[in-house]
Amino acid sequence: MKVDFVAAKTEPADGQALAVLAFEDGEFSPAAEALDAQVGGAVRRAIGATRFKGTMGQTVSILAPSGTAAGRVVVVGAGKQDAFDGRAAETAAAHAYNAVKDTGAERLLIMMPAAGAERQARAALGVRLAAYRFDKYRTTEKPEKKPSVARVDVGCEDAKAAAKAFKDLAALADAISFARDLVSEPANVLYPVEYARRVSALSRLGLEVEVLGVKEMTKLGMGALLGVGQGSARESQLVVMQWKGGPKDAKPIAFIGKGVCFDTGGVSLKPAEGMEEMVTDMAGSAAVAGAMYALAARKAKVNAVAVLGLVENMPGGAAQRPGDVVKTMSGQTVEVINTDAEGRLVLADAIWYCQDRFKPSLLVDLATLTGAIVIALGKDIAGFYCTDEKLAQNLQAASKASGDAIWRMPLPADYERLLDSHIADMKNTGPRQGGSITAALFIKRFTNKLPWAHIDMAGTAWKPNSQAAMIPSGATGFGVRLLDQLVRDIHEG
């Protein structure tokens, strides 16, 4: 999708689709007012014939109105005018694209209010995110089933300023698309070695990428991570990514991602229904890889390190069994009660390795970890746990700014006893009740008292029937914007 910026006085080309904004309470944007006068009041007459109130996402289409070369005019509701901020600009532009993408129009001109270059750049970001499509395996799809819009122009008062403001946002859009692609790939294509290869290719952006295989992880004593992957014919990998954009002596910020490329549950086999979606069980690592992509692509002034634990959790003759005891890199032992509680085992070794080697200033891990968090918060909000108040506040601010919704959950000390084992230092799972909490408490034992946050994004990584303007059905890319915004706030604010 090509997105460009043009002058506010640009007229639509012959047959081009044109989108203008209208706000609640009958308020029109200047472009909508000018267009209505140009077409002899056709815009207001069309709106008057509908229930259009200007609420965000409402649209009214007018075909080939007299007085303009546009083949289609779309009036897009943008909510309250005094609340029209960057996020609203993104959402309104995404709705404009979605209203036109399947109409046959090849170009769309979106006229934005004179709200400044940053909001107009955010409109372009909204279009980029809405236009994402994973279609590489569709070989028989008919042309009329594909989106027709190939180019979107954003009309603004200073096209050069908007294009400059969009530079970093374009890098963010690329990073989110990269993460969505990783999550969307089937497991027979994206297994740990291939995943590591794709992430290694990001060295072109200036990232330093290392890959550790089974031999190296065995030497390091990563019995928890390796135990998860031992039932698979695919070799487990640990990927280390570094971005060195800050002062040489500054401690890095650290991100750790769960990368279970496919999760059958292992010997504790999952039900067959819905198991195909377990291809998305690596979405936490995809978010982390996407965030590192964004930092490198926009040359962020920060030192950051990421560790991705990449495995397949498969049943088989060599698979880990319920009742097995594994020794983690930290030296702590774990009784494996349920082989389907595998993500926390992967994170245990990945987190310990990261804090031990890099001595970061803080740790944030992302994982599609528990069904319990989906029961608690649904599929639009991720749960997060945190041991540091300042980090918690920073994450909540980043969530609000980025739109990646998170909600803080408790870490009650008296729940620790639910992980007690009769034969090892701990069990890998407690009772079903409070399952997301005990999973977080398990991971906490490997953070070595560093400022740490755990984001359980099991519900937010994948939306098969998305109703969100900027999230086409499928992989969401959740977490990329959150982490990028966190870095902006902490190190670049």
Foldseek 3Di string as FASTA:
>chain_A
DAEAADALPDADDAAAEEEFEAEAPGRGFPVVVVVCVQLVNPVVVQCVVDPDGLAALDKTKDAPGPRGNHRIYIYGRQYHPVPRDLVSLLRRLLSVCVVQFLVQHAEYEYEDHQPDLLSLLSVVLSNLLLQQDDCPPPDPDDPSVGGRHDYYYYHYNDRVSNVVNNQLSVLLSVLLSQLQNQLPDALVQDAAVNVLVVLCVLCVLVKDKDKDWPVRVVVLQAFLLCQQFQFDPGTKMKMKIKDAQADPPAFAEEEEFEAACAEQQAPLGDDPPPSSSSNNQRSQVSLVSSLVSSCSSVSPHGIYMYMYTGHYRYYDPRHDDQQDWGAHSVRFIEHENTSSQRRLSSLLNRLLVCCVPRVHQEYEYEGLGDPVQCVVPNQQEKEKEWDDPVLVVLLCVLCVVQVLHYDYDDQDPVCQCQQDDPPGRGYSFGDPVVGVNNSVVSNVVRNVPRTYMYINNSRHQAAQPDPRSSADHTGRSRNSSSVNSSCCVPPVD
